[in-house]
Full PDB file with SEQRES, HELIX, SHEET, SSBOND, CRYST1, ORIGX, SCALE, CONECT and MASTER records, all heavy atoms in Angstrom:
SEQRES   1 A   41  VAL GLN LEU VAL GLU SER GLY GLY GLY LEU VAL GLN ALA          
SEQRES   2 A   41  GLY GLY SER LEU ARG LEU SER CYS THR ALA SER GLY ARG          
SEQRES   3 A   41  THR PHE SER THR TYR ALA MET GLY TRP PHE ARG GLN ALA          
SEQRES   4 A   41  PRO GLY                                                      
HELIX    1 AA1 PHE A   28  THR A   30  5                                   3    
SHEET    1 AA1 2 GLN A   2  SER A   6  0                                        
SHEET    2 AA1 2 SER A  20  SER A  24 -1                                        
CRYST1    1.000    1.000    1.000  90.00  90.00  90.00 P 1           1          
ORIGX1      1.000000  0.000000  0.000000        0.00000                         
ORIGX2      0.000000  1.000000  0.000000        0.00000                         
ORIGX3      0.000000  0.000000  1.000000        0.00000                         
SCALE1      1.000000  0.000000  0.000000        0.00000                         
SCALE2      0.000000  1.000000  0.000000        0.00000                         
SCALE3      0.000000  0.000000  1.000000        0.00000                         
ATOM      1  N   VAL A   1      -2.691  -8.410 -11.088  1.00  0.00           N  
ATOM      2  CA  VAL A   1      -2.548  -7.125 -10.423  1.00  0.00           C  
ATOM      3  C   VAL A   1      -3.225  -7.203  -9.065  1.00  0.00           C  
ATOM      4  O   VAL A   1      -4.352  -7.692  -8.939  1.00  0.00           O  
ATOM      5  CB  VAL A   1      -3.157  -5.995 -11.262  1.00  0.00           C  
ATOM      6  CG1 VAL A   1      -3.122  -4.677 -10.496  1.00  0.00           C  
ATOM      7  CG2 VAL A   1      -2.428  -5.871 -12.582  1.00  0.00           C  
ATOM      8  N   GLN A   2      -2.546  -6.708  -8.051  1.00  0.00           N  
ATOM      9  CA  GLN A   2      -3.119  -6.614  -6.719  1.00  0.00           C  
ATOM     10  C   GLN A   2      -3.140  -5.151  -6.290  1.00  0.00           C  
ATOM     11  O   GLN A   2      -2.139  -4.449  -6.433  1.00  0.00           O  
ATOM     12  CB  GLN A   2      -2.333  -7.448  -5.718  1.00  0.00           C  
ATOM     13  CG  GLN A   2      -2.404  -8.939  -5.996  1.00  0.00           C  
ATOM     14  CD  GLN A   2      -1.654  -9.757  -4.971  1.00  0.00           C  
ATOM     15  OE1 GLN A   2      -0.691  -9.289  -4.365  1.00  0.00           O  
ATOM     16  NE2 GLN A   2      -2.097 -10.984  -4.770  1.00  0.00           N  
ATOM     17  N   LEU A   3      -4.272  -4.715  -5.769  1.00  0.00           N  
ATOM     18  CA  LEU A   3      -4.470  -3.328  -5.386  1.00  0.00           C  
ATOM     19  C   LEU A   3      -4.873  -3.257  -3.919  1.00  0.00           C  
ATOM     20  O   LEU A   3      -5.731  -4.017  -3.474  1.00  0.00           O  
ATOM     21  CB  LEU A   3      -5.567  -2.677  -6.235  1.00  0.00           C  
ATOM     22  CG  LEU A   3      -5.397  -2.759  -7.755  1.00  0.00           C  
ATOM     23  CD1 LEU A   3      -6.646  -2.239  -8.448  1.00  0.00           C  
ATOM     24  CD2 LEU A   3      -4.174  -1.963  -8.187  1.00  0.00           C  
ATOM     25  N   VAL A   4      -4.281  -2.333  -3.193  1.00  0.00           N  
ATOM     26  CA  VAL A   4      -4.584  -2.147  -1.781  1.00  0.00           C  
ATOM     27  C   VAL A   4      -4.846  -0.674  -1.518  1.00  0.00           C  
ATOM     28  O   VAL A   4      -3.974   0.165  -1.754  1.00  0.00           O  
ATOM     29  CB  VAL A   4      -3.447  -2.643  -0.879  1.00  0.00           C  
ATOM     30  CG1 VAL A   4      -3.795  -2.413   0.586  1.00  0.00           C  
ATOM     31  CG2 VAL A   4      -3.180  -4.120  -1.125  1.00  0.00           C  
ATOM     32  N   GLU A   5      -6.049  -0.364  -1.014  1.00  0.00           N  
ATOM     33  CA  GLU A   5      -6.419   1.001  -0.678  1.00  0.00           C  
ATOM     34  C   GLU A   5      -6.116   1.286   0.788  1.00  0.00           C  
ATOM     35  O   GLU A   5      -6.166   0.391   1.631  1.00  0.00           O  
ATOM     36  CB  GLU A   5      -7.912   1.251  -0.931  1.00  0.00           C  
ATOM     37  CG  GLU A   5      -8.370   1.009  -2.355  1.00  0.00           C  
ATOM     38  CD  GLU A   5      -8.926  -0.373  -2.563  1.00  0.00           C  
ATOM     39  OE1 GLU A   5      -8.576  -1.293  -1.783  1.00  0.00           O  
ATOM     40  OE2 GLU A   5      -9.726  -0.554  -3.506  1.00  0.00           O  
ATOM     41  N   SER A   6      -5.854   2.548   1.071  1.00  0.00           N  
ATOM     42  CA  SER A   6      -5.653   2.989   2.441  1.00  0.00           C  
ATOM     43  C   SER A   6      -6.004   4.466   2.538  1.00  0.00           C  
ATOM     44  O   SER A   6      -6.174   5.139   1.526  1.00  0.00           O  
ATOM     45  CB  SER A   6      -4.214   2.748   2.904  1.00  0.00           C  
ATOM     46  OG  SER A   6      -3.296   3.501   2.137  1.00  0.00           O  
ATOM     47  N   GLY A   7      -6.099   4.969   3.758  1.00  0.00           N  
ATOM     48  CA  GLY A   7      -6.317   6.384   3.985  1.00  0.00           C  
ATOM     49  C   GLY A   7      -7.725   6.769   4.376  1.00  0.00           C  
ATOM     50  O   GLY A   7      -7.975   7.948   4.663  1.00  0.00           O  
ATOM     51  N   GLY A   8      -8.646   5.824   4.396  1.00  0.00           N  
ATOM     52  CA  GLY A   8     -10.001   6.135   4.802  1.00  0.00           C  
ATOM     53  C   GLY A   8     -10.091   6.406   6.290  1.00  0.00           C  
ATOM     54  O   GLY A   8      -9.145   6.194   7.050  1.00  0.00           O  
ATOM     55  N   GLY A   9     -11.250   6.890   6.711  1.00  0.00           N  
ATOM     56  CA  GLY A   9     -11.460   7.189   8.110  1.00  0.00           C  
ATOM     57  C   GLY A   9     -12.710   7.992   8.327  1.00  0.00           C  
ATOM     58  O   GLY A   9     -13.555   8.116   7.441  1.00  0.00           O  
ATOM     59  N   LEU A  10     -12.828   8.535   9.522  1.00  0.00           N  
ATOM     60  CA  LEU A  10     -13.965   9.365   9.923  1.00  0.00           C  
ATOM     61  C   LEU A  10     -13.551  10.824   9.909  1.00  0.00           C  
ATOM     62  O   LEU A  10     -12.518  11.190  10.487  1.00  0.00           O  
ATOM     63  CB  LEU A  10     -14.436   8.958  11.315  1.00  0.00           C  
ATOM     64  CG  LEU A  10     -15.547   9.797  11.940  1.00  0.00           C  
ATOM     65  CD1 LEU A  10     -16.824   9.683  11.132  1.00  0.00           C  
ATOM     66  CD2 LEU A  10     -15.774   9.358  13.382  1.00  0.00           C  
ATOM     67  N   VAL A  11     -14.358  11.649   9.260  1.00  0.00           N  
ATOM     68  CA  VAL A  11     -14.045  13.070   9.150  1.00  0.00           C  
ATOM     69  C   VAL A  11     -15.330  13.880   9.225  1.00  0.00           C  
ATOM     70  O   VAL A  11     -16.397  13.414   8.823  1.00  0.00           O  
ATOM     71  CB  VAL A  11     -13.275  13.352   7.837  1.00  0.00           C  
ATOM     72  CG1 VAL A  11     -14.154  13.059   6.623  1.00  0.00           C  
ATOM     73  CG2 VAL A  11     -12.747  14.771   7.799  1.00  0.00           C  
ATOM     74  N   GLN A  12     -15.228  15.085   9.754  1.00  0.00           N  
ATOM     75  CA  GLN A  12     -16.365  15.991   9.791  1.00  0.00           C  
ATOM     76  C   GLN A  12     -16.634  16.576   8.408  1.00  0.00           C  
ATOM     77  O   GLN A  12     -15.727  16.711   7.583  1.00  0.00           O  
ATOM     78  CB  GLN A  12     -16.105  17.133  10.771  1.00  0.00           C  
ATOM     79  CG  GLN A  12     -16.057  16.726  12.230  1.00  0.00           C  
ATOM     80  CD  GLN A  12     -17.440  16.568  12.817  1.00  0.00           C  
ATOM     81  OE1 GLN A  12     -18.416  17.115  12.300  1.00  0.00           O  
ATOM     82  NE2 GLN A  12     -17.543  15.821  13.897  1.00  0.00           N  
ATOM     83  N   ALA A  13     -17.888  16.912   8.150  1.00  0.00           N  
ATOM     84  CA  ALA A  13     -18.226  17.589   6.907  1.00  0.00           C  
ATOM     85  C   ALA A  13     -17.357  18.826   6.734  1.00  0.00           C  
ATOM     86  O   ALA A  13     -17.139  19.583   7.681  1.00  0.00           O  
ATOM     87  CB  ALA A  13     -19.704  17.965   6.891  1.00  0.00           C  
ATOM     88  N   GLY A  14     -16.867  19.011   5.515  1.00  0.00           N  
ATOM     89  CA  GLY A  14     -15.951  20.100   5.228  1.00  0.00           C  
ATOM     90  C   GLY A  14     -14.492  19.739   5.375  1.00  0.00           C  
ATOM     91  O   GLY A  14     -13.621  20.508   4.953  1.00  0.00           O  
ATOM     92  N   GLY A  15     -14.219  18.588   5.936  1.00  0.00           N  
ATOM     93  CA  GLY A  15     -12.855  18.148   6.120  1.00  0.00           C  
ATOM     94  C   GLY A  15     -12.282  17.482   4.888  1.00  0.00           C  
ATOM     95  O   GLY A  15     -12.918  17.413   3.835  1.00  0.00           O  
ATOM     96  N   SER A  16     -11.071  16.961   5.034  1.00  0.00           N  
ATOM     97  CA  SER A  16     -10.347  16.380   3.907  1.00  0.00           C  
ATOM     98  C   SER A  16      -9.741  15.040   4.279  1.00  0.00           C  
ATOM     99  O   SER A  16      -9.402  14.781   5.437  1.00  0.00           O  
ATOM    100  CB  SER A  16      -9.219  17.317   3.453  1.00  0.00           C  
ATOM    101  OG  SER A  16      -9.715  18.561   3.007  1.00  0.00           O  
ATOM    102  N   LEU A  17      -9.602  14.195   3.277  1.00  0.00           N  
ATOM    103  CA  LEU A  17      -8.885  12.936   3.388  1.00  0.00           C  
ATOM    104  C   LEU A  17      -8.142  12.690   2.094  1.00  0.00           C  
ATOM    105  O   LEU A  17      -8.558  13.160   1.031  1.00  0.00           O  
ATOM    106  CB  LEU A  17      -9.834  11.761   3.642  1.00  0.00           C  
ATOM    107  CG  LEU A  17     -10.464  11.607   5.018  1.00  0.00           C  
ATOM    108  CD1 LEU A  17     -11.510  10.495   4.977  1.00  0.00           C  
ATOM    109  CD2 LEU A  17      -9.409  11.293   6.063  1.00  0.00           C  
ATOM    110  N   ARG A  18      -7.063  11.948   2.172  1.00  0.00           N  
ATOM    111  CA  ARG A  18      -6.365  11.502   0.980  1.00  0.00           C  
ATOM    112  C   ARG A  18      -6.291   9.989   0.979  1.00  0.00           C  
ATOM    113  O   ARG A  18      -5.706   9.388   1.890  1.00  0.00           O  
ATOM    114  CB  ARG A  18      -4.957  12.086   0.883  1.00  0.00           C  
ATOM    115  CG  ARG A  18      -4.299  11.782  -0.473  1.00  0.00           C  
ATOM    116  CD  ARG A  18      -2.896  12.326  -0.603  1.00  0.00           C  
ATOM    117  NE  ARG A  18      -1.935  11.559   0.179  1.00  0.00           N  
ATOM    118  CZ  ARG A  18      -0.614  11.605   0.001  1.00  0.00           C  
ATOM    119  NH1 ARG A  18      -0.110  12.410  -0.941  1.00  0.00           N  
ATOM    120  NH2 ARG A  18       0.183  10.891   0.760  1.00  0.00           N  
ATOM    121  N   LEU A  19      -6.886   9.387  -0.033  1.00  0.00           N  
ATOM    122  CA  LEU A  19      -6.838   7.948  -0.200  1.00  0.00           C  
ATOM    123  C   LEU A  19      -5.661   7.561  -1.081  1.00  0.00           C  
ATOM    124  O   LEU A  19      -5.297   8.286  -2.003  1.00  0.00           O  
ATOM    125  CB  LEU A  19      -8.125   7.431  -0.833  1.00  0.00           C  
ATOM    126  CG  LEU A  19      -9.441   7.823  -0.151  1.00  0.00           C  
ATOM    127  CD1 LEU A  19     -10.608   7.162  -0.866  1.00  0.00           C  
ATOM    128  CD2 LEU A  19      -9.415   7.455   1.325  1.00  0.00           C  
ATOM    129  N   SER A  20      -5.095   6.406  -0.797  1.00  0.00           N  
ATOM    130  CA  SER A  20      -4.002   5.872  -1.594  1.00  0.00           C  
ATOM    131  C   SER A  20      -4.364   4.482  -2.083  1.00  0.00           C  
ATOM    132  O   SER A  20      -5.054   3.729  -1.396  1.00  0.00           O  
ATOM    133  CB  SER A  20      -2.712   5.796  -0.774  1.00  0.00           C  
ATOM    134  OG  SER A  20      -2.297   7.072  -0.340  1.00  0.00           O  
ATOM    135  N   CYS A  21      -3.888   4.154  -3.253  1.00  0.00           N  
ATOM    136  CA  CYS A  21      -4.057   2.821  -3.812  1.00  0.00           C  
ATOM    137  C   CYS A  21      -2.710   2.390  -4.360  1.00  0.00           C  
ATOM    138  O   CYS A  21      -2.195   3.001  -5.302  1.00  0.00           O  
ATOM    139  CB  CYS A  21      -5.116   2.831  -4.911  1.00  0.00           C  
ATOM    140  SG  CYS A  21      -5.240   1.287  -5.849  1.00  0.00           S  
ATOM    141  N   THR A  22      -2.160   1.350  -3.784  1.00  0.00           N  
ATOM    142  CA  THR A  22      -0.853   0.856  -4.185  1.00  0.00           C  
ATOM    143  C   THR A  22      -1.006  -0.463  -4.929  1.00  0.00           C  
ATOM    144  O   THR A  22      -1.709  -1.364  -4.466  1.00  0.00           O  
ATOM    145  CB  THR A  22       0.064   0.676  -2.970  1.00  0.00           C  
ATOM    146  OG1 THR A  22       0.243   1.938  -2.318  1.00  0.00           O  
ATOM    147  CG2 THR A  22       1.426   0.152  -3.399  1.00  0.00           C  
ATOM    148  N   ALA A  23      -0.344  -0.560  -6.066  1.00  0.00           N  
ATOM    149  CA  ALA A  23      -0.459  -1.727  -6.931  1.00  0.00           C  
ATOM    150  C   ALA A  23       0.815  -2.558  -6.890  1.00  0.00           C  
ATOM    151  O   ALA A  23       1.918  -2.044  -6.697  1.00  0.00           O  
ATOM    152  CB  ALA A  23      -0.741  -1.299  -8.367  1.00  0.00           C  
ATOM    153  N   SER A  24       0.640  -3.846  -7.101  1.00  0.00           N  
ATOM    154  CA  SER A  24       1.765  -4.764  -7.222  1.00  0.00           C  
ATOM    155  C   SER A  24       1.404  -5.860  -8.211  1.00  0.00           C  
ATOM    156  O   SER A  24       0.239  -6.073  -8.528  1.00  0.00           O  
ATOM    157  CB  SER A  24       2.126  -5.368  -5.864  1.00  0.00           C  
ATOM    158  OG  SER A  24       1.059  -6.144  -5.346  1.00  0.00           O  
ATOM    159  N   GLY A  25       2.411  -6.551  -8.705  1.00  0.00           N  
ATOM    160  CA  GLY A  25       2.196  -7.683  -9.590  1.00  0.00           C  
ATOM    161  C   GLY A  25       2.314  -7.382 -11.072  1.00  0.00           C  
ATOM    162  O   GLY A  25       2.487  -8.296 -11.867  1.00  0.00           O  
ATOM    163  N   ARG A  26       2.231  -6.123 -11.451  1.00  0.00           N  
ATOM    164  CA  ARG A  26       2.342  -5.689 -12.836  1.00  0.00           C  
ATOM    165  C   ARG A  26       3.085  -4.366 -12.892  1.00  0.00           C  
ATOM    166  O   ARG A  26       3.344  -3.754 -11.859  1.00  0.00           O  
ATOM    167  CB  ARG A  26       0.962  -5.525 -13.484  1.00  0.00           C  
ATOM    168  CG  ARG A  26       0.134  -6.793 -13.582  1.00  0.00           C  
ATOM    169  CD  ARG A  26       0.596  -7.667 -14.712  1.00  0.00           C  
ATOM    170  NE  ARG A  26      -0.280  -8.817 -14.889  1.00  0.00           N  
ATOM    171  CZ  ARG A  26      -0.165  -9.716 -15.851  1.00  0.00           C  
ATOM    172  NH1 ARG A  26       0.804  -9.580 -16.761  1.00  0.00           N  
ATOM    173  NH2 ARG A  26      -0.993 -10.730 -15.924  1.00  0.00           N  
ATOM    174  N   THR A  27       3.396  -3.949 -14.112  1.00  0.00           N  
ATOM    175  CA  THR A  27       3.980  -2.628 -14.303  1.00  0.00           C  
ATOM    176  C   THR A  27       2.876  -1.597 -14.176  1.00  0.00           C  
ATOM    177  O   THR A  27       2.059  -1.421 -15.081  1.00  0.00           O  
ATOM    178  CB  THR A  27       4.665  -2.518 -15.664  1.00  0.00           C  
ATOM    179  OG1 THR A  27       5.673  -3.523 -15.769  1.00  0.00           O  
ATOM    180  CG2 THR A  27       5.313  -1.148 -15.829  1.00  0.00           C  
ATOM    181  N   PHE A  28       2.836  -0.901 -13.057  1.00  0.00           N  
ATOM    182  CA  PHE A  28       1.743  -0.011 -12.728  1.00  0.00           C  
ATOM    183  C   PHE A  28       1.556   1.103 -13.744  1.00  0.00           C  
ATOM    184  O   PHE A  28       0.428   1.488 -14.056  1.00  0.00           O  
ATOM    185  CB  PHE A  28       1.976   0.565 -11.325  1.00  0.00           C  
ATOM    186  CG  PHE A  28       0.985   1.589 -10.901  1.00  0.00           C  
ATOM    187  CD1 PHE A  28      -0.289   1.215 -10.507  1.00  0.00           C  
ATOM    188  CD2 PHE A  28       1.320   2.935 -10.876  1.00  0.00           C  
ATOM    189  CE1 PHE A  28      -1.215   2.160 -10.101  1.00  0.00           C  
ATOM    190  CE2 PHE A  28       0.409   3.887 -10.470  1.00  0.00           C  
ATOM    191  CZ  PHE A  28      -0.866   3.497 -10.084  1.00  0.00           C  
ATOM    192  N   SER A  29       2.645   1.634 -14.262  1.00  0.00           N  
ATOM    193  CA  SER A  29       2.568   2.811 -15.113  1.00  0.00           C  
ATOM    194  C   SER A  29       1.872   2.565 -16.443  1.00  0.00           C  
ATOM    195  O   SER A  29       1.532   3.522 -17.141  1.00  0.00           O  
ATOM    196  CB  SER A  29       3.969   3.373 -15.369  1.00  0.00           C  
ATOM    197  OG  SER A  29       4.777   2.433 -16.056  1.00  0.00           O  
ATOM    198  N   THR A  30       1.619   1.328 -16.823  1.00  0.00           N  
ATOM    199  CA  THR A  30       0.963   1.028 -18.089  1.00  0.00           C  
ATOM    200  C   THR A  30      -0.553   1.064 -18.005  1.00  0.00           C  
ATOM    201  O   THR A  30      -1.219   0.918 -19.030  1.00  0.00           O  
ATOM    202  CB  THR A  30       1.387  -0.340 -18.620  1.00  0.00           C  
ATOM    203  OG1 THR A  30       0.951  -1.370 -17.726  1.00  0.00           O  
ATOM    204  CG2 THR A  30       2.904  -0.413 -18.770  1.00  0.00           C  
ATOM    205  N   TYR A  31      -1.114   1.255 -16.826  1.00  0.00           N  
ATOM    206  CA  TYR A  31      -2.554   1.155 -16.625  1.00  0.00           C  
ATOM    207  C   TYR A  31      -3.185   2.485 -16.267  1.00  0.00           C  
ATOM    208  O   TYR A  31      -2.681   3.212 -15.412  1.00  0.00           O  
ATOM    209  CB  TYR A  31      -2.873   0.158 -15.515  1.00  0.00           C  
ATOM    210  CG  TYR A  31      -2.459  -1.259 -15.818  1.00  0.00           C  
ATOM    211  CD1 TYR A  31      -1.331  -1.810 -15.228  1.00  0.00           C  
ATOM    212  CD2 TYR A  31      -3.204  -2.042 -16.685  1.00  0.00           C  
ATOM    213  CE1 TYR A  31      -0.944  -3.110 -15.504  1.00  0.00           C  
ATOM    214  CE2 TYR A  31      -2.829  -3.340 -16.970  1.00  0.00           C  
ATOM    215  CZ  TYR A  31      -1.702  -3.874 -16.372  1.00  0.00           C  
ATOM    216  OH  TYR A  31      -1.325  -5.166 -16.649  1.00  0.00           O  
ATOM    217  N   ALA A  32      -4.313   2.778 -16.917  1.00  0.00           N  
ATOM    218  CA  ALA A  32      -5.210   3.788 -16.387  1.00  0.00           C  
ATOM    219  C   ALA A  32      -5.849   3.243 -15.110  1.00  0.00           C  
ATOM    220  O   ALA A  32      -5.976   2.032 -14.933  1.00  0.00           O  
ATOM    221  CB  ALA A  32      -6.285   4.145 -17.410  1.00  0.00           C  
ATOM    222  N   MET A  33      -6.247   4.141 -14.223  1.00  0.00           N  
ATOM    223  CA  MET A  33      -6.795   3.736 -12.935  1.00  0.00           C  
ATOM    224  C   MET A  33      -8.056   4.522 -12.626  1.00  0.00           C  
ATOM    225  O   MET A  33      -8.195   5.672 -13.043  1.00  0.00           O  
ATOM    226  CB  MET A  33      -5.771   3.956 -11.820  1.00  0.00           C  
ATOM    227  CG  MET A  33      -4.486   3.166 -11.962  1.00  0.00           C  
ATOM    228  SD  MET A  33      -4.728   1.382 -11.735  1.00  0.00           S  
ATOM    229  CE  MET A  33      -5.248   1.324 -10.019  1.00  0.00           C  
ATOM    230  N   GLY A  34      -8.940   3.897 -11.881  1.00  0.00           N  
ATOM    231  CA  GLY A  34     -10.167   4.553 -11.485  1.00  0.00           C  
ATOM    232  C   GLY A  34     -10.436   4.405 -10.003  1.00  0.00           C  
ATOM    233  O   GLY A  34      -9.924   3.491  -9.348  1.00  0.00           O  
ATOM    234  N   TRP A  35     -11.229   5.326  -9.484  1.00  0.00           N  
ATOM    235  CA  TRP A  35     -11.764   5.252  -8.128  1.00  0.00           C  
ATOM    236  C   TRP A  35     -13.278   5.129  -8.206  1.00  0.00           C  
ATOM    237  O   TRP A  35     -13.931   5.850  -8.980  1.00  0.00           O  
ATOM    238  CB  TRP A  35     -11.418   6.487  -7.302  1.00  0.00           C  
ATOM    239  CG  TRP A  35     -10.017   6.531  -6.772  1.00  0.00           C  
ATOM    240  CD1 TRP A  35      -8.964   7.210  -7.279  1.00  0.00           C  
ATOM    241  CD2 TRP A  35      -9.535   5.867  -5.593  1.00  0.00           C  
ATOM    242  NE1 TRP A  35      -7.851   7.021  -6.510  1.00  0.00           N  
ATOM    243  CE2 TRP A  35      -8.172   6.196  -5.469  1.00  0.00           C  
ATOM    244  CE3 TRP A  35     -10.120   5.029  -4.646  1.00  0.00           C  
ATOM    245  CZ2 TRP A  35      -7.382   5.715  -4.418  1.00  0.00           C  
ATOM    246  CZ3 TRP A  35      -9.335   4.548  -3.607  1.00  0.00           C  
ATOM    247  CH2 TRP A  35      -7.991   4.891  -3.507  1.00  0.00           C  
ATOM    248  N   PHE A  36     -13.824   4.226  -7.415  1.00  0.00           N  
ATOM    249  CA  PHE A  36     -15.253   4.044  -7.280  1.00  0.00           C  
ATOM    250  C   PHE A  36     -15.618   4.085  -5.810  1.00  0.00           C  
ATOM    251  O   PHE A  36     -14.750   3.974  -4.938  1.00  0.00           O  
ATOM    252  CB  PHE A  36     -15.697   2.707  -7.880  1.00  0.00           C  
ATOM    253  CG  PHE A  36     -15.722   2.677  -9.373  1.00  0.00           C  
ATOM    254  CD1 PHE A  36     -14.545   2.648 -10.097  1.00  0.00           C  
ATOM    255  CD2 PHE A  36     -16.928   2.663 -10.056  1.00  0.00           C  
ATOM    256  CE1 PHE A  36     -14.556   2.614 -11.478  1.00  0.00           C  
ATOM    257  CE2 PHE A  36     -16.953   2.623 -11.441  1.00  0.00           C  
ATOM    258  CZ  PHE A  36     -15.775   2.597 -12.148  1.00  0.00           C  
ATOM    259  N   ARG A  37     -16.908   4.219  -5.540  1.00  0.00           N  
ATOM    260  CA  ARG A  37     -17.371   4.145  -4.163  1.00  0.00           C  
ATOM    261  C   ARG A  37     -18.711   3.431  -4.122  1.00  0.00           C  
ATOM    262  O   ARG A  37     -19.454   3.412  -5.100  1.00  0.00           O  
ATOM    263  CB  ARG A  37     -17.486   5.532  -3.532  1.00  0.00           C  
ATOM    264  CG  ARG A  37     -18.526   6.442  -4.175  1.00  0.00           C  
ATOM    265  CD  ARG A  37     -18.408   7.849  -3.609  1.00  0.00           C  
ATOM    266  NE  ARG A  37     -19.415   8.749  -4.149  1.00  0.00           N  
ATOM    267  CZ  ARG A  37     -19.450  10.053  -3.917  1.00  0.00           C  
ATOM    268  NH1 ARG A  37     -18.524  10.619  -3.144  1.00  0.00           N  
ATOM    269  NH2 ARG A  37     -20.408  10.799  -4.446  1.00  0.00           N  
ATOM    270  N   GLN A  38     -18.999   2.850  -2.972  1.00  0.00           N  
ATOM    271  CA  GLN A  38     -20.243   2.125  -2.797  1.00  0.00           C  
ATOM    272  C   GLN A  38     -20.760   2.336  -1.385  1.00  0.00           C  
ATOM    273  O   GLN A  38     -20.086   1.988  -0.416  1.00  0.00           O  
ATOM    274  CB  GLN A  38     -20.054   0.633  -3.069  1.00  0.00           C  
ATOM    275  CG  GLN A  38     -21.344  -0.156  -3.066  1.00  0.00           C  
ATOM    276  CD  GLN A  38     -21.162  -1.567  -3.601  1.00  0.00           C  
ATOM    277  OE1 GLN A  38     -20.059  -2.111  -3.584  1.00  0.00           O  
ATOM    278  NE2 GLN A  38     -22.236  -2.150  -4.078  1.00  0.00           N  
ATOM    279  N   ALA A  39     -21.944   2.903  -1.297  1.00  0.00           N  
ATOM    280  CA  ALA A  39     -22.617   3.078  -0.022  1.00  0.00           C  
ATOM    281  C   ALA A  39     -23.466   1.849   0.267  1.00  0.00           C  
ATOM    282  O   ALA A  39     -23.855   1.129  -0.655  1.00  0.00           O  
ATOM    283  CB  ALA A  39     -23.482   4.337  -0.051  1.00  0.00           C  
ATOM    284  N   PRO A  40     -23.790   1.587   1.531  1.00  0.00           N  
ATOM    285  CA  PRO A  40     -24.594   0.413   1.871  1.00  0.00           C  
ATOM    286  C   PRO A  40     -25.913   0.376   1.112  1.00  0.00           C  
ATOM    287  O   PRO A  40     -26.638   1.370   1.056  1.00  0.00           O  
ATOM    288  CB  PRO A  40     -24.827   0.571   3.377  1.00  0.00           C  
ATOM    289  CG  PRO A  40     -23.654   1.369   3.852  1.00  0.00           C  
ATOM    290  CD  PRO A  40     -23.365   2.326   2.729  1.00  0.00           C  
ATOM    291  N   GLY A  41     -26.213  -0.769   0.509  1.00  0.00           N  
ATOM    292  CA  GLY A  41     -27.454  -0.941  -0.213  1.00  0.00           C  
ATOM    293  C   GLY A  41     -27.506  -0.279  -1.574  1.00  0.00           C  
ATOM    294  O   GLY A  41     -28.554  -0.312  -2.222  1.00  0.00           O  
TER     295      GLY A  41                                                      
MASTER        0    0    0    1    2    0    0    6  294    1    0    4          
END                                                                             
């Protein structure tokens, strides 16, 4: 499975963004999916 995220950027507090994650290599619909985040350190 290969996953590619997109949609990040710089936004002011109170604003909105929509992230996307597109999968390839497998039948995507058979998998549960998660989002994680990591700040520096």
